[in-house]
N, C-alpha and C. Protein backbone atom coordinates (compact mmCIF):
# COMPACT_ATOMS: atom_id res chain seq x y z
N MET A 1 198.69 81.47 94.24
CA MET A 1 198.40 80.30 94.74
C MET A 1 199.08 78.49 94.28
N ARG A 2 199.38 79.24 92.85
CA ARG A 2 200.22 78.16 92.07
C ARG A 2 201.26 77.78 91.82
N GLN A 3 201.76 76.63 92.46
CA GLN A 3 202.94 75.91 93.35
C GLN A 3 204.21 75.97 91.37
N PRO A 4 205.06 76.60 91.71
CA PRO A 4 205.86 76.65 91.19
C PRO A 4 206.04 75.24 90.81
N ARG A 5 206.86 74.65 88.64
CA ARG A 5 207.11 73.37 88.62
C ARG A 5 207.87 72.81 89.40
N THR A 6 209.16 73.63 88.98
CA THR A 6 210.12 73.11 90.74
C THR A 6 211.01 74.27 91.71
N ALA A 7 211.57 73.53 91.93
CA ALA A 7 212.20 74.60 94.05
C ALA A 7 212.66 75.82 93.07
N PRO A 8 212.89 76.27 93.32
CA PRO A 8 214.02 77.93 93.35
C PRO A 8 215.76 77.41 93.53
N SER A 9 216.26 77.29 93.20
CA SER A 9 217.65 76.76 93.53
C SER A 9 218.61 78.68 94.50
N GLN A 10 217.50 79.40 93.48
CA GLN A 10 218.47 80.88 94.80
C GLN A 10 217.79 81.31 94.86
N LEU A 11 217.77 82.70 96.19
CA LEU A 11 216.58 83.49 96.77
C LEU A 11 216.38 84.42 95.72
N GLY A 12 215.12 85.24 95.59
CA GLY A 12 214.30 86.20 94.52
C GLY A 12 213.88 85.45 93.31
N ARG A 13 213.95 85.80 92.32
CA ARG A 13 213.35 85.14 90.58
C ARG A 13 214.07 84.10 89.94
N PRO A 14 213.32 82.88 90.42
CA PRO A 14 214.70 81.58 89.98
C PRO A 14 214.82 81.64 88.73
N VAL A 15 216.12 81.10 88.24
CA VAL A 15 216.77 81.54 86.90
C VAL A 15 215.40 80.86 85.92
N GLY A 16 215.08 81.20 84.82
CA GLY A 16 214.22 80.58 83.80
C GLY A 16 212.87 80.91 84.64
N ALA A 17 212.66 81.33 85.32
CA ALA A 17 211.25 81.76 85.62
C ALA A 17 210.55 82.89 84.99
N ASP A 18 209.48 83.31 84.37
CA ASP A 18 209.03 84.10 84.36
C ASP A 18 208.31 85.23 85.68
N GLY A 19 207.86 86.17 85.41
CA GLY A 19 207.19 87.40 86.88
C GLY A 19 205.98 86.87 86.85
N GLU A 20 205.34 85.76 86.50
CA GLU A 20 204.28 85.67 86.62
C GLU A 20 204.70 84.52 87.19
N GLN A 21 205.30 83.59 87.27
CA GLN A 21 205.49 82.57 88.28
C GLN A 21 205.89 82.52 89.56
N THR A 22 206.80 84.07 89.66
CA THR A 22 207.62 84.63 90.82
C THR A 22 205.99 84.51 91.75
N ARG A 23 204.98 85.69 91.23
CA ARG A 23 204.14 86.39 91.81
C ARG A 23 203.67 85.22 92.42
N ALA A 24 202.91 84.38 91.33
CA ALA A 24 202.06 83.55 92.25
C ALA A 24 202.81 82.36 93.22
N ARG A 25 204.38 82.31 93.13
CA ARG A 25 204.69 81.75 94.68
C ARG A 25 205.04 83.09 95.48
N ILE A 26 204.68 83.58 95.42
CA ILE A 26 204.44 85.04 97.16
C ILE A 26 203.56 84.33 97.26
N ILE A 27 201.90 84.47 96.25
CA ILE A 27 200.69 84.29 96.90
C ILE A 27 200.97 83.49 97.50
N THR A 28 201.57 82.38 97.23
CA THR A 28 201.16 80.87 97.69
C THR A 28 202.22 80.87 98.93
N ALA A 29 202.70 81.53 99.13
CA ALA A 29 204.15 81.71 100.47
C ALA A 29 203.23 82.77 101.71
N ALA A 30 201.91 83.99 101.55
CA ALA A 30 201.09 85.03 101.52
C ALA A 30 200.22 84.00 102.39
N MET A 31 199.57 83.52 101.66
CA MET A 31 198.37 82.24 101.79
C MET A 31 198.82 81.53 102.79
N ARG A 32 199.58 80.52 103.30
CA ARG A 32 200.34 80.08 103.56
C ARG A 32 200.29 80.46 105.44
N CYS A 33 201.19 81.51 105.05
CA CYS A 33 202.03 82.07 106.03
C CYS A 33 200.55 82.72 107.34
N VAL A 34 200.14 82.88 106.67
CA VAL A 34 198.73 84.25 107.06
C VAL A 34 198.46 82.94 107.93
N ALA A 35 197.61 81.45 106.93
CA ALA A 35 197.40 80.69 107.74
C ALA A 35 198.00 79.80 108.91
N GLU A 36 198.94 80.35 108.47
CA GLU A 36 199.20 79.01 110.33
C GLU A 36 200.63 80.28 111.00
N VAL A 37 200.42 81.09 110.67
CA VAL A 37 200.71 82.91 112.00
C VAL A 37 199.79 83.45 112.25
N GLY A 38 198.76 83.82 111.38
CA GLY A 38 197.87 84.83 111.67
C GLY A 38 197.73 86.17 110.80
N TYR A 39 196.90 86.96 110.78
CA TYR A 39 197.63 88.06 109.77
C TYR A 39 198.38 88.97 110.89
N SER A 40 198.85 89.33 111.99
CA SER A 40 199.84 90.27 112.57
C SER A 40 201.13 89.52 111.97
N GLN A 41 200.72 88.40 112.11
CA GLN A 41 202.66 87.39 112.91
C GLN A 41 203.23 86.78 111.46
N ALA A 42 202.02 87.74 109.85
CA ALA A 42 202.91 86.97 108.61
C ALA A 42 203.62 88.05 108.19
N THR A 43 204.54 88.10 108.64
CA THR A 43 205.63 90.05 107.43
C THR A 43 205.89 89.79 106.52
N ILE A 44 206.35 90.61 105.90
CA ILE A 44 206.71 90.53 104.45
C ILE A 44 208.00 89.79 104.67
N ARG A 45 208.92 90.18 105.30
CA ARG A 45 209.85 89.80 105.61
C ARG A 45 209.90 87.60 105.72
N GLU A 46 208.42 86.68 106.65
CA GLU A 46 208.03 85.64 106.71
C GLU A 46 207.53 85.30 105.10
N ILE A 47 206.91 86.26 104.55
CA ILE A 47 206.37 85.81 103.87
C ILE A 47 207.41 85.14 102.33
N ALA A 48 208.34 86.50 102.18
CA ALA A 48 209.39 86.16 101.53
C ALA A 48 210.59 85.14 102.05
N ARG A 49 210.63 85.14 103.15
CA ARG A 49 210.95 83.73 103.43
C ARG A 49 210.37 81.96 103.23
N ALA A 50 209.35 82.23 103.28
CA ALA A 50 208.51 81.18 102.68
C ALA A 50 208.03 80.88 101.05
N ALA A 51 208.57 82.19 100.27
CA ALA A 51 208.70 82.44 99.02
C ALA A 51 209.91 81.88 98.12
N ASP A 52 211.15 81.66 99.65
CA ASP A 52 212.28 81.16 99.11
C ASP A 52 213.14 82.45 98.22
N MET A 53 213.25 84.03 98.87
CA MET A 53 213.29 84.96 98.39
C MET A 53 213.70 86.50 99.30
N THR A 54 214.35 87.36 98.78
CA THR A 54 214.58 88.54 100.21
C THR A 54 213.62 89.40 99.90
N SER A 55 213.01 90.04 101.07
CA SER A 55 212.27 91.28 101.37
C SER A 55 212.36 91.87 100.15
N GLY A 56 213.65 92.06 99.99
CA GLY A 56 213.54 93.46 98.64
C GLY A 56 212.92 93.02 97.04
N SER A 57 213.66 91.85 96.31
CA SER A 57 212.90 90.67 95.77
C SER A 57 211.16 90.89 95.93
N LEU A 58 211.32 90.38 96.81
CA LEU A 58 209.38 90.47 96.95
C LEU A 58 208.79 91.93 96.39
N TYR A 59 209.33 93.23 97.18
CA TYR A 59 208.87 94.65 97.00
C TYR A 59 208.37 94.96 95.88
N HIS A 60 209.44 94.30 95.10
CA HIS A 60 209.58 94.57 93.31
C HIS A 60 207.99 94.20 92.95
N TYR A 61 207.61 93.33 93.40
CA TYR A 61 206.56 92.17 93.27
C TYR A 61 204.35 93.15 93.96
N PHE A 62 205.18 93.82 95.04
CA PHE A 62 204.03 94.33 96.01
C PHE A 62 204.53 95.03 97.05
N PRO A 63 204.15 96.49 96.85
CA PRO A 63 204.11 97.69 97.51
C PRO A 63 204.49 97.26 98.67
N ASN A 64 203.29 96.50 99.38
CA ASN A 64 203.38 96.50 101.08
C ASN A 64 202.15 95.22 101.14
N LYS A 65 202.49 94.25 102.49
CA LYS A 65 201.97 93.61 102.28
C LYS A 65 200.15 93.88 102.39
N SER A 66 199.89 94.73 103.29
CA SER A 66 197.77 95.06 102.62
C SER A 66 197.58 94.50 100.97
N GLU A 67 198.79 95.15 100.57
CA GLU A 67 198.42 95.02 98.68
C GLU A 67 198.91 93.68 98.27
N LEU A 68 199.82 93.28 99.03
CA LEU A 68 199.39 91.11 98.29
C LEU A 68 198.76 90.37 99.17
N LEU A 69 197.75 90.84 100.05
CA LEU A 69 196.94 90.07 100.44
C LEU A 69 195.12 90.40 99.53
N LYS A 70 195.84 91.35 99.62
CA LYS A 70 194.11 91.61 98.39
C LYS A 70 194.29 91.12 97.48
N ALA A 71 196.09 90.99 96.43
CA ALA A 71 195.67 89.90 95.83
C ALA A 71 195.60 88.61 96.02
N THR A 72 196.00 88.02 97.22
CA THR A 72 195.75 86.61 97.30
C THR A 72 194.78 86.36 97.57
N VAL A 73 193.42 87.60 98.12
CA VAL A 73 192.06 86.92 98.14
C VAL A 73 191.28 87.62 96.60
N LYS A 74 192.41 88.17 95.91
CA LYS A 74 191.50 88.30 94.13
C LYS A 74 192.07 86.69 93.60
N GLU A 75 192.99 86.27 94.34
CA GLU A 75 193.63 84.91 93.20
C GLU A 75 193.01 83.99 93.20
N ILE A 76 192.25 83.64 94.92
CA ILE A 76 191.39 82.78 95.49
C ILE A 76 190.08 82.95 94.87
N ASP A 77 189.76 83.97 94.58
CA ASP A 77 187.87 84.19 94.12
C ASP A 77 188.07 84.20 92.61
N GLU A 78 189.66 84.44 91.91
CA GLU A 78 189.14 84.20 90.07
C GLU A 78 189.63 82.60 90.74
N ILE A 79 190.06 82.29 90.91
CA ILE A 79 190.05 80.24 91.12
C ILE A 79 188.31 80.27 91.71
N ALA A 80 188.20 80.38 92.66
CA ALA A 80 186.67 79.48 92.87
C ALA A 80 185.76 79.96 92.26
N HIS A 81 185.75 80.75 92.24
CA HIS A 81 184.08 81.90 91.38
C HIS A 81 184.34 80.35 89.55
N PRO A 82 184.89 80.71 88.98
CA PRO A 82 184.52 79.11 87.90
C PRO A 82 183.77 77.82 88.11
N ARG A 83 184.65 77.44 88.98
CA ARG A 83 184.71 76.36 89.63
C ARG A 83 183.34 75.44 90.02
N LEU A 84 183.37 76.96 91.30
CA LEU A 84 181.79 77.08 92.28
C LEU A 84 180.34 77.49 91.15
N ARG A 85 180.89 77.74 90.00
CA ARG A 85 179.87 78.34 89.03
C ARG A 85 179.27 77.02 88.25
N ALA A 86 180.50 76.26 88.14
CA ALA A 86 180.51 75.05 87.26
C ALA A 86 179.30 73.78 88.50
N ALA A 87 179.78 73.88 89.61
CA ALA A 87 179.74 72.65 90.13
C ALA A 87 178.17 73.45 90.32
N ALA A 88 177.21 74.43 90.69
CA ALA A 88 175.83 74.92 90.36
C ALA A 88 175.34 74.48 89.16
N GLN A 89 175.95 75.03 88.21
CA GLN A 89 175.67 74.47 86.76
C GLN A 89 175.39 72.55 86.83
N ARG A 90 176.33 72.31 87.10
CA ARG A 90 176.22 70.83 86.90
C ARG A 90 174.85 70.14 87.28
N ALA A 91 174.77 70.11 88.68
CA ALA A 91 173.46 70.52 89.87
C ALA A 91 172.16 70.25 88.38
N ASP A 92 171.45 69.40 89.12
CA ASP A 92 169.84 68.87 88.62
C ASP A 92 169.16 70.66 88.91
N ASP A 93 168.78 71.31 88.43
CA ASP A 93 167.25 71.96 88.74
C ASP A 93 166.84 72.27 90.31
N ASP A 94 166.56 71.72 90.94
CA ASP A 94 166.47 71.04 92.47
C ASP A 94 167.47 72.11 93.41
N VAL A 95 167.13 73.22 93.71
CA VAL A 95 168.22 73.91 95.16
C VAL A 95 168.53 73.19 95.67
N VAL A 96 168.22 72.29 96.13
CA VAL A 96 169.06 71.44 97.44
C VAL A 96 169.86 70.78 96.19
N ASP A 97 170.02 70.05 95.55
CA ASP A 97 171.07 69.81 95.29
C ASP A 97 172.05 70.47 94.75
N ARG A 98 171.82 71.79 93.83
CA ARG A 98 172.57 73.07 93.35
C ARG A 98 172.95 73.29 94.71
N LEU A 99 172.97 73.58 95.82
CA LEU A 99 173.57 73.41 97.12
C LEU A 99 174.52 72.95 97.50
N GLY A 100 174.46 71.18 97.88
CA GLY A 100 175.10 70.26 98.01
C GLY A 100 175.95 70.15 97.13
N ALA A 101 175.44 70.64 95.74
CA ALA A 101 176.86 70.27 94.38
C ALA A 101 178.07 71.75 95.06
N VAL A 102 177.70 72.72 95.34
CA VAL A 102 178.45 73.78 96.16
C VAL A 102 179.10 73.82 96.98
N LEU A 103 178.86 73.06 97.60
CA LEU A 103 179.33 72.62 99.49
C LEU A 103 180.19 71.91 98.37
N ASP A 104 179.89 70.72 97.79
CA ASP A 104 180.73 69.32 97.92
C ASP A 104 182.76 69.66 96.76
N GLU A 105 182.04 70.87 95.35
CA GLU A 105 182.96 71.92 95.62
C GLU A 105 183.97 72.19 96.33
N SER A 106 183.19 73.04 96.97
CA SER A 106 184.21 73.80 97.81
C SER A 106 184.78 72.99 98.95
N ASP A 107 184.71 72.21 98.77
CA ASP A 107 185.43 70.98 99.74
C ASP A 107 186.44 70.56 99.02
N ARG A 108 186.06 70.24 97.56
CA ARG A 108 187.34 69.63 96.42
C ARG A 108 188.82 71.45 96.53
N LEU A 109 188.48 72.35 96.50
CA LEU A 109 189.20 73.66 96.95
C LEU A 109 189.54 73.25 98.09
N MET A 110 189.23 73.00 99.54
CA MET A 110 189.20 73.35 100.15
C MET A 110 191.19 71.82 100.89
N ARG A 111 190.55 71.27 99.66
CA ARG A 111 191.62 69.86 100.02
C ARG A 111 193.00 70.04 98.82
N GLU A 112 192.51 70.84 97.58
CA GLU A 112 193.36 71.06 96.96
C GLU A 112 194.71 72.59 97.41
N TYR A 113 193.93 73.87 98.31
CA TYR A 113 194.48 74.11 98.65
C TYR A 113 194.81 74.07 99.75
N PRO A 114 195.38 73.16 100.91
CA PRO A 114 194.95 73.06 102.42
C PRO A 114 195.42 74.40 103.31
N HIS A 115 195.66 75.03 103.12
CA HIS A 115 196.29 76.42 103.68
C HIS A 115 194.44 77.53 103.41
N LEU A 116 193.85 76.76 102.43
CA LEU A 116 192.54 78.06 101.94
C LEU A 116 192.40 77.86 103.81
N ALA A 117 191.03 77.06 104.15
CA ALA A 117 190.12 77.43 105.16
C ALA A 117 190.80 78.46 106.32
N ALA A 118 191.92 78.04 106.63
CA ALA A 118 192.69 78.52 107.61
C ALA A 118 192.77 80.00 107.29
N PHE A 119 194.04 79.82 105.92
CA PHE A 119 194.19 81.91 105.57
C PHE A 119 192.52 82.58 105.72
N ASP A 120 191.29 81.31 105.06
CA ASP A 120 189.96 82.72 105.02
C ASP A 120 189.57 83.02 106.90
N ARG A 121 189.86 81.95 107.41
CA ARG A 121 189.82 82.67 108.75
C ARG A 121 190.28 83.28 109.82
N ALA A 122 192.28 84.02 109.34
CA ALA A 122 192.35 84.80 109.99
C ALA A 122 192.03 86.49 109.16
N MET A 123 191.75 86.40 108.37
CA MET A 123 191.23 86.87 107.37
C MET A 123 189.59 87.81 107.76
N ARG A 124 189.43 86.69 108.06
CA ARG A 124 188.30 86.94 108.88
C ARG A 124 188.37 87.56 110.21
N ALA A 125 189.10 86.92 110.52
CA ALA A 125 189.02 88.08 112.44
C ALA A 125 189.50 88.83 112.18
N GLN A 126 190.86 88.76 111.22
CA GLN A 126 191.29 90.28 111.46
C GLN A 126 190.55 91.56 110.86
N SER A 127 189.36 90.84 109.79
CA SER A 127 188.85 92.38 109.42
C SER A 127 188.17 92.64 110.50
N THR A 128 187.85 91.53 111.35
CA THR A 128 186.55 91.60 112.46
C THR A 128 186.43 92.95 113.73
N ALA A 129 188.18 92.64 113.61
CA ALA A 129 188.58 93.04 114.57
C ALA A 129 189.01 94.79 113.94
N HIS A 130 188.75 95.01 112.71
CA HIS A 130 189.19 96.61 113.02
C HIS A 130 188.27 96.62 111.23
N ARG A 131 187.13 96.80 111.67
CA ARG A 131 186.25 97.13 110.48
C ARG A 131 185.99 98.85 110.54
N ARG A 132 185.31 99.02 109.16
CA ARG A 132 185.02 99.99 108.67
C ARG A 132 183.33 100.18 108.62
N GLY A 133 183.29 101.41 109.40
CA GLY A 133 181.74 101.64 109.25
C GLY A 133 180.52 100.53 109.77
N GLY A 134 181.78 100.04 111.12
CA GLY A 134 180.18 99.17 111.85
C GLY A 134 180.47 98.04 110.98
N ARG A 135 180.82 97.45 109.00
CA ARG A 135 181.16 96.33 109.04
C ARG A 135 182.50 95.61 108.90
N PRO A 136 182.38 94.71 108.32
CA PRO A 136 184.24 93.85 108.09
C PRO A 136 184.46 94.15 106.44
N ARG A 137 186.02 94.45 106.58
CA ARG A 137 186.49 94.74 104.64
C ARG A 137 186.12 93.31 104.63
N TYR A 138 186.46 92.16 105.13
CA TYR A 138 186.46 91.13 104.49
C TYR A 138 185.73 89.94 104.62
N SER A 139 184.04 89.30 104.20
CA SER A 139 183.60 89.00 105.15
C SER A 139 184.21 87.37 103.85
N GLY A 140 184.78 87.01 103.79
CA GLY A 140 184.95 85.72 104.02
C GLY A 140 184.90 85.44 101.68
N LEU A 141 184.97 84.34 101.72
CA LEU A 141 185.05 83.68 100.06
C LEU A 141 183.61 85.00 99.32
N LYS A 142 184.12 86.05 98.84
CA LYS A 142 182.83 86.37 97.74
C LYS A 142 182.19 85.49 97.16
N ALA A 143 183.15 84.61 96.24
CA ALA A 143 182.27 84.01 94.37
C ALA A 143 181.86 82.93 95.78
N LEU A 144 181.80 82.59 96.62
CA LEU A 144 180.32 81.58 97.41
C LEU A 144 179.02 81.99 97.81
N ARG A 145 178.98 83.02 98.40
CA ARG A 145 178.27 83.77 98.55
C ARG A 145 177.39 84.63 96.86
N ASP A 146 178.41 84.99 96.08
CA ASP A 146 177.53 85.28 95.45
C ASP A 146 176.55 84.23 93.95
N ILE A 147 177.61 83.14 93.88
CA ILE A 147 177.36 81.63 93.65
C ILE A 147 175.46 81.18 94.25
N ILE A 148 175.54 81.24 95.87
CA ILE A 148 174.35 80.67 97.06
C ILE A 148 173.41 81.68 96.39
N ASN A 149 173.59 83.07 96.31
CA ASN A 149 172.71 84.53 96.04
C ASN A 149 172.07 83.86 94.69
N ASP A 150 172.80 83.51 93.54
CA ASP A 150 172.40 83.32 92.23
C ASP A 150 171.51 82.03 92.63
N ILE A 151 171.23 80.66 93.28
CA ILE A 151 170.68 79.85 93.22
C ILE A 151 169.15 79.81 93.99
N ILE A 152 169.69 80.67 95.14
CA ILE A 152 168.82 81.04 96.42
C ILE A 152 167.53 82.13 95.01
N GLU A 153 168.18 83.27 93.85
CA GLU A 153 167.47 84.12 93.41
C GLU A 153 166.68 83.08 92.00
N ASP A 154 167.37 82.29 91.46
CA ASP A 154 167.17 81.72 90.77
C ASP A 154 165.75 80.70 90.95
N ALA A 155 165.80 80.49 91.32
CA ALA A 155 164.95 79.53 93.30
C ALA A 155 163.52 80.07 93.01
N ARG A 156 163.58 81.11 93.56
CA ARG A 156 162.78 82.36 94.07
C ARG A 156 161.96 82.44 92.37
N ALA A 157 162.63 82.77 91.38
CA ALA A 157 161.84 83.16 89.93
C ALA A 157 161.17 82.06 89.59
N ARG A 158 161.54 80.81 90.31
CA ARG A 158 161.17 79.60 89.25
C ARG A 158 159.54 79.12 90.52
N GLY A 159 159.66 80.09 91.50
CA GLY A 159 159.19 79.97 92.33
C GLY A 159 158.41 78.87 93.03
N ALA A 160 160.30 77.74 93.61
CA ALA A 160 160.54 76.99 93.98
C ALA A 160 160.90 77.70 95.85
N LEU A 161 160.59 79.00 95.52
CA LEU A 161 160.46 78.67 97.10
C LEU A 161 159.75 79.24 97.64
N PRO A 162 158.79 78.80 99.18
CA PRO A 162 157.43 79.01 99.92
C PRO A 162 157.36 80.72 99.50
N PRO A 163 156.16 80.71 99.15
CA PRO A 163 155.54 82.22 99.46
C PRO A 163 156.17 82.96 100.40
N ASP A 164 156.70 82.39 101.46
CA ASP A 164 156.54 83.06 103.08
C ASP A 164 158.39 83.06 103.10
N THR A 165 158.69 82.26 101.94
CA THR A 165 161.24 82.66 102.45
C THR A 165 160.68 84.26 101.97
N ASN A 166 161.92 84.59 103.02
CA ASN A 166 162.78 85.10 102.49
C ASN A 166 163.33 85.31 101.87
N PRO A 167 164.32 85.97 100.23
CA PRO A 167 165.28 85.27 100.04
C PRO A 167 166.75 85.83 100.54
N GLY A 168 166.67 86.96 100.96
CA GLY A 168 167.37 87.13 101.28
C GLY A 168 168.12 86.93 102.92
N ALA A 169 167.54 86.50 103.76
CA ALA A 169 167.31 85.86 104.61
C ALA A 169 168.39 84.68 104.47
N ALA A 170 167.41 83.57 103.62
CA ALA A 170 167.78 82.36 103.45
C ALA A 170 169.58 82.58 102.36
N VAL A 171 169.50 83.40 101.92
CA VAL A 171 171.33 83.35 101.04
C VAL A 171 172.09 83.92 102.96
N ASN A 172 171.73 84.55 103.17
CA ASN A 172 172.21 85.29 104.91
C ASN A 172 172.56 83.24 105.69
N ALA A 173 171.59 83.02 105.77
CA ALA A 173 171.64 81.53 106.43
C ALA A 173 172.17 80.67 105.87
N ILE A 174 172.28 80.53 104.48
CA ILE A 174 173.07 79.28 104.04
C ILE A 174 174.30 79.43 103.69
N TYR A 175 174.58 81.79 103.79
CA TYR A 175 176.33 81.40 103.59
C TYR A 175 177.06 81.63 104.99
N ALA A 176 176.04 81.51 106.04
CA ALA A 176 176.52 81.27 107.44
C ALA A 176 176.95 80.34 107.61
N LEU A 177 176.09 79.17 107.73
CA LEU A 177 176.68 77.67 107.17
C LEU A 177 177.39 77.50 106.47
N THR A 178 177.64 77.77 105.42
CA THR A 178 179.38 77.68 104.56
C THR A 178 179.74 78.33 105.27
N ARG A 179 180.30 79.38 105.98
CA ARG A 179 180.94 80.04 107.17
C ARG A 179 181.73 78.98 108.34
N GLY A 180 180.72 79.14 108.90
CA GLY A 180 181.11 77.36 109.95
C GLY A 180 181.82 76.25 109.42
N LEU A 181 181.15 76.43 107.89
CA LEU A 181 182.18 74.95 107.77
C LEU A 181 183.31 74.84 107.35
N THR A 182 183.70 76.16 106.79
CA THR A 182 184.90 76.90 106.51
C THR A 182 185.89 76.77 107.62
N GLU A 183 185.18 77.04 108.76
CA GLU A 183 185.50 77.03 109.57
C GLU A 183 186.49 75.71 110.91
N GLN A 184 185.19 74.93 110.29
CA GLN A 184 185.38 73.14 110.59
C GLN A 184 186.61 73.03 109.83
N ALA A 185 186.42 73.40 108.37
CA ALA A 185 187.57 72.58 107.93
C ALA A 185 188.81 73.02 108.11
N ALA A 186 189.18 74.44 108.92
CA ALA A 186 190.73 75.00 109.39
C ALA A 186 190.39 73.30 110.91
N ASN A 187 190.22 73.55 111.57
CA ASN A 187 190.17 72.53 112.77
C ASN A 187 190.17 71.12 112.59
N LEU A 188 188.72 70.83 112.03
CA LEU A 188 189.01 69.35 112.21
C LEU A 188 189.81 68.55 111.17
N PRO A 189 190.02 67.32 111.54
CA PRO A 189 190.64 65.99 111.00
C PRO A 189 189.84 65.54 109.91
N ALA A 190 190.70 65.23 108.71
CA ALA A 190 189.87 64.76 107.30
C ALA A 190 188.59 64.12 107.55
N GLU A 191 187.90 63.18 108.51
CA GLU A 191 186.93 62.31 109.25
C GLU A 191 186.32 62.77 109.11
N GLY A 192 186.31 64.19 110.37
CA GLY A 192 185.45 64.56 111.44
C GLY A 192 184.68 65.34 110.65
N TYR A 193 185.90 66.61 109.85
CA TYR A 193 184.97 67.09 108.80
C TYR A 193 184.20 66.40 107.55
N ALA A 194 184.71 65.30 107.00
CA ALA A 194 183.14 64.78 106.29
C ALA A 194 182.56 64.40 107.01
N ALA A 195 182.30 64.12 108.20
CA ALA A 195 180.76 64.01 108.57
C ALA A 195 180.39 65.31 109.12
N THR A 196 180.63 66.48 109.77
CA THR A 196 180.33 67.34 109.57
C THR A 196 179.27 68.37 108.26
N LEU A 197 179.89 67.85 107.65
CA LEU A 197 179.91 68.57 105.91
C LEU A 197 178.35 67.16 105.04
N GLY A 198 178.31 66.86 105.98
CA GLY A 198 177.67 65.24 105.37
C GLY A 198 176.22 65.97 106.09
N SER A 199 176.22 66.14 107.16
CA SER A 199 175.30 66.78 108.17
C SER A 199 174.79 68.08 107.88
N ALA A 200 175.98 68.72 107.20
CA ALA A 200 175.32 69.86 107.02
C ALA A 200 174.39 70.19 105.77
N LYS A 201 174.76 68.82 104.92
CA LYS A 201 173.96 68.90 103.49
C LYS A 201 172.69 68.06 103.37
N GLU A 202 172.43 66.97 105.24
CA GLU A 202 171.28 66.86 105.31
C GLU A 202 170.77 67.81 105.75
N LEU A 203 171.06 67.96 107.09
CA LEU A 203 170.27 69.06 107.27
C LEU A 203 169.91 70.71 106.44
N ILE A 204 169.87 71.18 104.91
CA ILE A 204 169.84 72.19 103.71
C ILE A 204 168.54 71.07 103.48
N ARG A 205 168.61 69.71 103.45
CA ARG A 205 168.15 69.40 102.66
C ARG A 205 166.35 69.01 103.53
N GLY A 206 166.72 68.62 104.73
CA GLY A 206 165.47 68.38 105.61
C GLY A 206 165.84 67.13 106.30
N THR A 207 166.23 66.48 106.44
CA THR A 207 166.44 65.12 106.66
C THR A 207 167.39 64.53 107.60
N LEU A 208 167.97 65.56 107.84
CA LEU A 208 169.16 65.47 109.09
C LEU A 208 168.33 64.81 110.82
N PHE A 209 167.84 65.67 110.87
CA PHE A 209 166.52 64.40 111.74
C PHE A 209 165.88 63.47 111.77
N ALA A 210 165.19 63.17 109.92
CA ALA A 210 164.69 62.02 110.26
C ALA A 210 165.00 61.01 111.22
N GLN A 211 164.29 60.05 110.86
CA GLN A 211 164.75 58.31 111.08
C GLN A 211 165.41 57.40 110.51
N PRO A 212 166.25 56.66 110.62
CA PRO A 212 166.98 56.26 109.19
C PRO A 212 165.94 55.49 107.96
N ALA A 213 165.06 54.88 108.24
CA ALA A 213 165.01 54.28 107.68
C ALA A 213 163.40 55.20 106.73
N SER A 214 163.59 56.58 106.84
CA SER A 214 162.51 57.06 105.77
C SER A 214 164.47 57.78 105.00
N ARG A 215 165.83 58.25 105.67
CA ARG A 215 166.26 59.26 104.84
C ARG A 215 166.93 58.49 103.44
N PRO A 216 166.89 58.95 102.25
CA PRO A 216 166.84 59.09 100.26
C PRO A 216 167.69 57.97 101.33
N GLU A 217 167.89 57.62 99.68
CA GLU A 217 169.41 56.07 99.65
C GLU A 217 170.73 57.00 99.65
N SER A 218 170.25 58.14 98.70
CA SER A 218 171.34 58.78 97.78
C SER A 218 171.41 59.69 98.81
N THR A 219 171.22 59.83 99.71
CA THR A 219 171.68 61.33 100.89
C THR A 219 172.56 60.79 102.66
N PRO A 220 173.01 59.20 102.61
CA PRO A 220 173.26 58.60 103.42
C PRO A 220 173.84 59.65 104.70
N GLN A 221 173.68 59.18 105.83
CA GLN A 221 174.05 60.19 106.89
C GLN A 221 175.92 60.30 107.55
N HIS A 222 176.72 61.30 106.90
CA HIS A 222 177.46 61.91 107.63
C HIS A 222 178.40 60.97 106.05
N ARG A 223 177.73 61.00 104.48
CA ARG A 223 178.98 60.26 103.66
C ARG A 223 179.12 61.02 103.85
N SER A 224 181.32 60.66 103.45
CA SER A 224 182.52 61.64 102.88
C SER A 224 182.60 62.03 101.50
N THR A 225 183.02 62.93 101.53
CA THR A 225 183.26 63.86 100.05
C THR A 225 184.60 63.75 99.54
N ARG A 226 185.39 63.62 100.62
CA ARG A 226 187.10 63.60 100.66
C ARG A 226 187.76 62.11 99.79
N ASP A 227 188.64 62.27 99.03
CA ASP A 227 189.34 60.37 98.61
C ASP A 227 189.46 60.14 99.85
N PRO A 228 189.02 58.24 99.40
CA PRO A 228 189.48 57.35 100.77
C PRO A 228 191.23 57.84 101.80
């Protein structure tokens, strides 16, 4: 996913680049191709062209498209997990603040990797269409679900959840919300997505339908977390 410092001057491995740099370039190209044309149309040939190399050169790094996309998903998780985890830990002990911090960090990730949201959508669509044992093979960003689960479990252990709240159901509901946000990030312009994210955070806090005078000043409606 990390872009090479300089554009390659020839197909295949550029002069002076090591294997890890070339591998990263291929993964970036795979994410972009799947995001732009969908899973089926993102062929090895198209991905190789996007990576500015030949198909034969690409096969030196990945034996087939399936292994390449598995590596792409793994790379995304390895980048996202520590950042989302750190966001959850930076926030106060309040479960709502921690969830809001994770949503904000997820937003920053999608801005830094502009093809991430559309890639995630395309992979989920493909996985749903080819289920195994009645379950999709790719259910979305694993790191995000894991951290939501940890936040809810920690809140339960500290007695911060109402006694009649089902922790598993709460995790499912919040993760479904984050998946919907990812879908919107792939479709909406920046301003529209910022408003949607702001409303989602208010929904979690319980202030979405509050009258303006009773809204906390720290969470104004539709606050944008995006750079100006």
